[in-house]
Amino acid sequence: MNQEEIPVVINKKAGRKSFFAVGLEALLIRPPFLHKEACYPEERIGRKVVKAFSLEGMKVRPYFAHTIEDVRDTIEDLVWKGERTVVVAGGDGTLNAAVHAIAGTEVSLGIIPLGTANALALELGIPFSVHEAARVIKQGKVRKIDVGKAGGHLFAMGAGMSFDAHVIQKVDHGSKWAMGSMAYIVHGILEALKYPFPLLKIESEDPVPIRSEGYLAIVANARYYGGHFKVAPRASMEDGLLDVLVMKRKGLRHLIRYLGAMRYRDITRLEDVDYFQCRRLRITSDPAVPVHVDAEVVETTPCVFESVPKVLKVIVPD
């Protein structure tokens, strides 16, 4: 990294959780990573990020943000001013704001994972230690990846709709602080008992169309989703394709079965699941349902999804 002073946008609220939440995740979820900085207070995490770069001999110019809007505005300003590298410290929602500001430019995105799930960091092999992630940025290896698009909104990892997006709307910062990733599971179980699960109709718009329908659907740009779950085992972030997962049963019992398959098996092998790849597709429902991208609810059905090939430069490990 030749840049003398690197701008680092730090979302101080990203991924903050209680000691109880970290212990609960370790005991019940057993995630592929344990984020030890998750319990740090906001002031300490900012100092930790700055110190990590200092230990690697890099000077940083920190920008502290408290909302996703702050993150996006700050990065857009840095891009406009001609920065060649922007580092973002936060989770997948924070990084989604960065994707909107950086995609299609010559700016390289560095990632310090601080969020609840950190699926993009997991996909790219970026360490979950702040210090080790800073070392990756110092090495400066850049890779160009695809992003997805849902309506007018970009996503790095994936988009979900209906029940998935509904649960995200129910989980607030207080729940995530108290329970961490378990907040989504707890709210998911409670909401599944009363959610109507409207039928989703999916149709690709490729030369040879593929049609499917079901009650749960995920449009993925990468293998991982929600940090712990592999929804698209054959996905690549460099193939110009979206991977579509359609689950044909509804209700709590089937939801638990699908989640177990995502976590411990290959869900695409289940008989009541359709899995295909395409460049563009359309999803409709009656009534309309919410759509989220990278855990930010931004659209409703009907919605068109498409792959936008190799428009995002990210710094990755050697």
Protein backbone atom coordinates (compact mmCIF):
# COMPACT_ATOMS: atom_id res chain seq x y z
CA MET A 1 0.00 0.00 0.00
CA ASN A 2 1.79 3.12 -1.25
CA GLN A 3 -0.75 5.63 -0.03
CA GLU A 4 0.76 7.80 2.73
CA GLU A 5 -2.46 8.38 4.62
CA ILE A 6 -5.39 6.00 4.19
CA PRO A 7 -8.97 7.16 4.85
CA VAL A 8 -10.73 4.71 7.16
CA VAL A 9 -14.49 5.04 7.63
CA ILE A 10 -15.46 3.42 10.95
CA ASN A 11 -19.06 2.56 11.77
CA LYS A 12 -18.75 2.61 15.55
CA LYS A 13 -22.15 0.98 16.03
CA ALA A 14 -21.57 -1.97 13.68
CA GLY A 15 -21.62 -5.37 15.33
CA ARG A 16 -21.70 -4.12 18.92
CA LYS A 17 -23.00 -6.87 21.16
CA SER A 18 -22.99 -7.92 24.81
CA PHE A 19 -20.68 -10.48 26.42
CA PHE A 20 -23.80 -12.62 26.85
CA ALA A 21 -24.48 -12.47 23.09
CA VAL A 22 -20.94 -13.58 22.22
CA GLY A 23 -21.18 -16.49 24.65
CA LEU A 24 -24.60 -17.44 23.31
CA GLU A 25 -23.32 -17.52 19.74
CA ALA A 26 -20.29 -19.60 20.72
CA LEU A 27 -22.49 -22.11 22.55
CA LEU A 28 -25.49 -22.42 20.25
CA ILE A 29 -24.42 -21.32 16.77
CA ARG A 30 -20.71 -22.17 16.79
CA PRO A 31 -19.95 -19.73 13.98
CA PRO A 32 -16.90 -20.14 11.72
CA PHE A 33 -15.38 -17.12 13.50
CA LEU A 34 -15.59 -15.47 16.90
CA HIS A 35 -15.24 -11.69 16.71
CA LYS A 36 -13.46 -10.83 19.98
CA GLU A 37 -13.75 -7.06 19.37
CA ALA A 38 -17.56 -7.31 19.24
CA CYS A 39 -17.87 -6.53 22.95
CA TYR A 40 -15.68 -3.43 22.83
CA PRO A 41 -17.46 -0.11 23.50
CA GLU A 42 -17.71 2.32 20.58
CA GLU A 43 -14.82 4.52 21.74
CA ARG A 44 -12.47 1.58 22.17
CA ILE A 45 -13.20 0.00 18.78
CA GLY A 46 -12.28 3.25 17.03
CA ARG A 47 -8.93 3.37 18.83
CA LYS A 48 -8.38 -0.34 18.10
CA VAL A 49 -8.77 0.16 14.36
CA VAL A 50 -6.42 3.15 14.25
CA LYS A 51 -3.83 1.31 16.37
CA ALA A 52 -3.93 -1.76 14.10
CA PHE A 53 -2.84 0.33 11.11
CA SER A 54 -0.20 2.09 13.18
CA LEU A 55 1.32 -1.26 14.18
CA GLU A 56 1.62 -2.09 10.48
CA GLY A 57 3.42 1.19 9.82
CA MET A 58 0.50 2.87 8.07
CA LYS A 59 -0.96 6.30 8.71
CA VAL A 60 -4.72 6.61 8.67
CA ARG A 61 -7.24 9.41 8.55
CA PRO A 62 -10.25 8.11 10.53
CA TYR A 63 -13.83 9.14 9.86
CA PHE A 64 -16.36 8.05 12.48
CA ALA A 65 -19.92 7.29 11.40
CA HIS A 66 -23.00 6.43 13.44
CA THR A 67 -25.47 5.57 10.67
CA ILE A 68 -25.42 3.86 7.28
CA GLU A 69 -26.27 7.23 5.72
CA ASP A 70 -23.19 8.77 7.35
CA VAL A 71 -21.05 5.97 5.91
CA ARG A 72 -22.35 6.41 2.37
CA ASP A 73 -22.09 10.22 2.42
CA THR A 74 -18.53 10.09 3.76
CA ILE A 75 -17.35 7.56 1.18
CA GLU A 76 -19.00 9.41 -1.69
CA ASP A 77 -17.16 12.55 -0.60
CA LEU A 78 -13.84 10.66 -0.44
CA VAL A 79 -14.39 9.20 -3.91
CA TRP A 80 -15.24 12.65 -5.27
CA LYS A 81 -12.02 14.03 -3.76
CA GLY A 82 -9.97 11.46 -5.68
CA GLU A 83 -8.95 8.92 -3.03
CA ARG A 84 -7.65 5.70 -4.60
CA THR A 85 -8.26 3.48 -1.57
CA VAL A 86 -11.00 3.69 1.05
CA VAL A 87 -11.10 1.34 4.03
CA VAL A 88 -14.44 0.59 5.70
CA ALA A 89 -14.74 -0.87 9.20
CA GLY A 90 -18.19 -2.36 9.74
CA GLY A 91 -20.53 -5.19 8.82
CA ASP A 92 -22.38 -6.19 5.66
CA GLY A 93 -24.88 -3.32 5.93
CA THR A 94 -22.03 -0.83 6.27
CA LEU A 95 -20.23 -2.42 3.34
CA ASN A 96 -23.39 -2.25 1.24
CA ALA A 97 -23.25 1.53 1.61
CA ALA A 98 -19.62 1.40 0.49
CA VAL A 99 -20.54 -0.72 -2.54
CA HIS A 100 -23.04 1.91 -3.69
CA ALA A 101 -20.42 4.65 -3.36
CA ILE A 102 -17.46 2.79 -4.90
CA ALA A 103 -18.81 0.33 -7.52
CA GLY A 104 -17.93 1.41 -11.04
CA THR A 105 -15.04 3.64 -9.92
CA GLU A 106 -11.31 2.98 -9.77
CA VAL A 107 -11.31 3.17 -5.96
CA SER A 108 -10.21 0.03 -4.09
CA LEU A 109 -12.23 -1.04 -1.05
CA GLY A 110 -10.45 -2.29 2.06
CA ILE A 111 -12.47 -4.17 4.68
CA ILE A 112 -12.16 -4.35 8.47
CA PRO A 113 -14.94 -6.75 9.60
CA LEU A 114 -16.86 -5.44 12.60
CA GLY A 115 -20.46 -6.48 11.93
CA THR A 116 -22.90 -9.07 13.24
CA ALA A 117 -22.47 -11.45 10.30
CA ASN A 118 -19.57 -10.26 8.09
CA ALA A 119 -20.51 -12.57 5.22
CA LEU A 120 -18.48 -10.61 2.63
CA ALA A 121 -15.31 -10.85 4.72
CA LEU A 122 -15.90 -14.59 5.17
CA GLU A 123 -16.42 -15.03 1.42
CA LEU A 124 -13.22 -13.16 0.54
CA GLY A 125 -11.09 -14.80 3.23
CA ILE A 126 -10.46 -11.58 5.14
CA PRO A 127 -9.37 -12.25 8.76
CA PHE A 128 -11.70 -11.32 11.59
CA SER A 129 -8.87 -9.91 13.68
CA VAL A 130 -8.68 -6.13 13.23
CA HIS A 131 -4.88 -6.26 13.19
CA GLU A 132 -4.70 -9.08 10.65
CA ALA A 133 -7.28 -7.37 8.42
CA ALA A 134 -5.12 -4.21 8.49
CA ARG A 135 -2.17 -6.34 7.39
CA VAL A 136 -4.16 -7.57 4.39
CA ILE A 137 -4.78 -3.95 3.40
CA LYS A 138 -1.08 -3.19 3.72
CA GLN A 139 -0.31 -6.01 1.26
CA GLY A 140 -2.67 -4.34 -1.20
CA LYS A 141 -3.72 -7.24 -3.45
CA VAL A 142 -6.75 -6.09 -5.46
CA ARG A 143 -9.46 -8.29 -6.97
CA LYS A 144 -12.36 -7.22 -9.19
CA ILE A 145 -15.69 -8.79 -8.27
CA ASP A 146 -19.29 -8.77 -9.46
CA VAL A 147 -22.14 -7.18 -7.57
CA GLY A 148 -25.85 -7.87 -7.82
CA LYS A 149 -28.61 -5.37 -8.38
CA ALA A 150 -32.18 -5.48 -7.05
CA GLY A 151 -34.29 -2.75 -8.61
CA GLY A 152 -32.11 0.32 -8.12
CA HIS A 153 -30.03 -1.09 -5.24
CA LEU A 154 -26.70 -2.94 -5.37
CA PHE A 155 -25.65 -5.85 -3.19
CA ALA A 156 -22.37 -7.67 -2.66
CA MET A 157 -23.65 -10.85 -1.01
CA GLY A 158 -27.31 -11.51 -1.58
CA ALA A 159 -30.92 -10.40 -1.63
CA GLY A 160 -33.88 -11.98 0.13
CA MET A 161 -37.55 -11.26 0.12
CA SER A 162 -40.81 -11.89 1.94
CA PHE A 163 -40.22 -13.70 5.27
CA ASP A 164 -36.46 -13.08 5.21
CA ALA A 165 -36.85 -9.31 4.78
CA HIS A 166 -39.77 -9.22 7.23
CA VAL A 167 -37.59 -10.68 10.01
CA ILE A 168 -34.80 -8.18 9.28
CA GLN A 169 -37.31 -5.38 9.78
CA LYS A 170 -38.18 -6.81 13.21
CA VAL A 171 -34.58 -6.98 14.51
CA ASP A 172 -33.43 -3.65 15.95
CA HIS A 173 -30.01 -2.59 17.31
CA GLY A 174 -31.08 -3.41 20.87
CA SER A 175 -31.90 -7.01 19.95
CA LYS A 176 -28.60 -7.44 18.09
CA TRP A 177 -26.67 -6.03 21.06
CA ALA A 178 -28.44 -8.33 23.51
CA MET A 179 -28.41 -11.55 21.44
CA GLY A 180 -26.05 -11.04 18.48
CA SER A 181 -26.84 -13.30 15.53
CA MET A 182 -29.29 -15.20 17.74
CA ALA A 183 -31.63 -12.21 17.45
CA TYR A 184 -32.44 -13.18 13.86
CA ILE A 185 -33.08 -16.79 14.84
CA VAL A 186 -35.31 -15.91 17.81
CA HIS A 187 -37.33 -13.36 15.82
CA GLY A 188 -37.46 -15.77 12.90
CA ILE A 189 -39.03 -18.52 15.00
CA LEU A 190 -41.59 -16.16 16.52
CA GLU A 191 -42.53 -14.60 13.17
CA ALA A 192 -42.76 -17.97 11.39
CA LEU A 193 -45.66 -18.90 13.66
CA LYS A 194 -47.83 -16.13 12.22
CA TYR A 195 -46.31 -15.02 8.88
CA PRO A 196 -48.60 -15.75 5.88
CA PHE A 197 -45.79 -16.74 3.45
CA PRO A 198 -47.20 -15.43 0.14
CA LEU A 199 -46.30 -17.46 -2.94
CA LEU A 200 -43.27 -16.09 -4.85
CA LYS A 201 -43.07 -16.50 -8.63
CA ILE A 202 -39.58 -16.47 -10.11
CA GLU A 203 -38.67 -16.24 -13.80
CA SER A 204 -35.23 -15.73 -15.30
CA GLU A 205 -34.96 -13.32 -18.22
CA ASP A 206 -32.08 -15.11 -19.90
CA PRO A 207 -32.43 -16.39 -23.52
CA VAL A 208 -33.67 -19.73 -22.18
CA PRO A 209 -36.00 -18.75 -19.30
CA ILE A 210 -36.24 -20.76 -16.09
CA ARG A 211 -39.44 -20.61 -14.03
CA SER A 212 -39.98 -21.59 -10.43
CA GLU A 213 -42.19 -20.76 -7.48
CA GLY A 214 -41.98 -21.19 -3.74
CA TYR A 215 -42.43 -19.48 -0.39
CA LEU A 216 -38.81 -18.57 0.36
CA ALA A 217 -36.20 -17.32 -2.10
CA ILE A 218 -32.65 -15.99 -2.03
CA VAL A 219 -30.78 -14.34 -4.90
CA ALA A 220 -27.08 -14.78 -4.18
CA ASN A 221 -23.90 -13.23 -5.56
CA ALA A 222 -21.71 -15.36 -3.27
CA ARG A 223 -21.77 -18.61 -1.34
CA TYR A 224 -22.40 -17.27 2.16
CA TYR A 225 -25.49 -15.55 3.49
CA GLY A 226 -26.03 -14.16 6.96
CA GLY A 227 -22.49 -15.13 7.92
CA HIS A 228 -23.15 -18.71 9.01
CA PHE A 229 -25.14 -20.15 6.12
CA LYS A 230 -23.99 -21.43 2.72
CA VAL A 231 -26.94 -20.90 0.37
CA ALA A 232 -25.13 -21.11 -2.97
CA PRO A 233 -22.25 -23.59 -2.79
CA ARG A 234 -21.39 -23.16 -6.47
CA ALA A 235 -21.52 -19.37 -6.55
CA SER A 236 -18.58 -17.26 -7.71
CA MET A 237 -18.16 -13.50 -7.40
CA GLU A 238 -16.45 -13.38 -10.78
CA ASP A 239 -18.71 -15.36 -13.14
CA GLY A 240 -21.27 -12.68 -14.06
CA LEU A 241 -24.10 -14.86 -12.73
CA LEU A 242 -26.57 -14.79 -9.85
CA ASP A 243 -27.37 -17.99 -7.97
CA VAL A 244 -31.06 -18.42 -7.17
CA LEU A 245 -32.37 -20.61 -4.36
CA VAL A 246 -36.13 -21.29 -4.19
CA MET A 247 -37.61 -23.19 -1.25
CA LYS A 248 -41.03 -24.70 -1.93
CA ARG A 249 -42.40 -25.41 1.56
CA LYS A 250 -43.56 -22.94 4.19
CA GLY A 251 -43.93 -22.89 7.96
CA LEU A 252 -41.63 -23.18 10.95
CA ARG A 253 -40.81 -26.88 10.56
CA HIS A 254 -39.59 -26.46 7.00
CA LEU A 255 -37.81 -23.21 7.81
CA ILE A 256 -35.74 -24.99 10.48
CA ARG A 257 -34.99 -27.81 8.04
CA TYR A 258 -33.79 -25.37 5.38
CA LEU A 259 -31.59 -23.48 7.86
CA GLY A 260 -30.03 -26.74 9.05
CA ALA A 261 -29.26 -27.73 5.47
CA MET A 262 -27.66 -24.34 4.77
CA ARG A 263 -25.49 -24.63 7.86
CA TYR A 264 -24.46 -28.27 7.82
CA ARG A 265 -25.30 -29.80 4.41
CA ASP A 266 -25.82 -28.83 0.77
CA ILE A 267 -29.30 -27.30 0.62
CA THR A 268 -29.34 -27.44 -3.18
CA ARG A 269 -29.66 -31.24 -2.96
CA LEU A 270 -33.03 -31.15 -1.17
CA GLU A 271 -35.93 -32.36 -3.32
CA ASP A 272 -38.15 -29.39 -2.47
CA VAL A 273 -35.50 -26.79 -3.44
CA ASP A 274 -34.82 -25.31 -6.88
CA TYR A 275 -31.34 -23.96 -7.55
CA PHE A 276 -30.21 -22.32 -10.77
CA GLN A 277 -27.93 -19.61 -12.15
CA CYS A 278 -28.85 -16.72 -14.42
CA ARG A 279 -27.85 -13.18 -15.33
CA ARG A 280 -31.23 -11.56 -14.78
CA LEU A 281 -34.55 -12.56 -13.19
CA ARG A 282 -37.87 -11.17 -12.02
CA ILE A 283 -39.73 -12.06 -8.83
CA THR A 284 -43.40 -11.25 -8.26
CA SER A 285 -45.91 -11.98 -5.50
CA ASP A 286 -49.45 -11.20 -4.47
CA PRO A 287 -49.52 -9.29 -2.21
CA ALA A 288 -46.25 -7.36 -2.59
CA VAL A 289 -43.53 -8.31 -0.08
CA PRO A 290 -40.38 -6.49 1.12
CA VAL A 291 -36.96 -7.12 -0.45
CA HIS A 292 -33.63 -6.69 1.33
CA VAL A 293 -30.09 -6.41 -0.05
CA ASP A 294 -27.22 -7.34 2.29
CA ALA A 295 -29.64 -7.09 5.25
CA GLU A 296 -30.97 -3.64 4.33
CA VAL A 297 -34.67 -3.59 3.34
CA VAL A 298 -34.92 -1.34 0.28
CA GLU A 299 -37.47 -2.66 -2.27
CA THR A 300 -40.74 -4.55 -2.68
CA THR A 301 -41.92 -7.05 -5.25
CA PRO A 302 -42.26 -7.05 -8.18
CA CYS A 303 -38.50 -6.70 -8.43
CA VAL A 304 -35.91 -7.35 -11.15
CA PHE A 305 -32.50 -8.73 -10.17
CA GLU A 306 -29.39 -8.75 -12.33
CA SER A 307 -25.64 -9.34 -12.14
CA VAL A 308 -23.31 -6.39 -12.71
CA PRO A 309 -19.98 -8.02 -13.62
CA LYS A 310 -16.62 -6.97 -12.15
CA VAL A 311 -17.42 -3.40 -11.10
CA LEU A 312 -16.02 -3.48 -7.55
CA LYS A 313 -12.34 -3.49 -6.64
CA VAL A 314 -11.65 -5.06 -3.23
CA ILE A 315 -8.43 -5.66 -1.32
CA VAL A 316 -8.05 -9.36 -0.49
CA PRO A 317 -5.45 -11.66 1.10
CA ASP A 318 -2.60 -13.06 -1.01
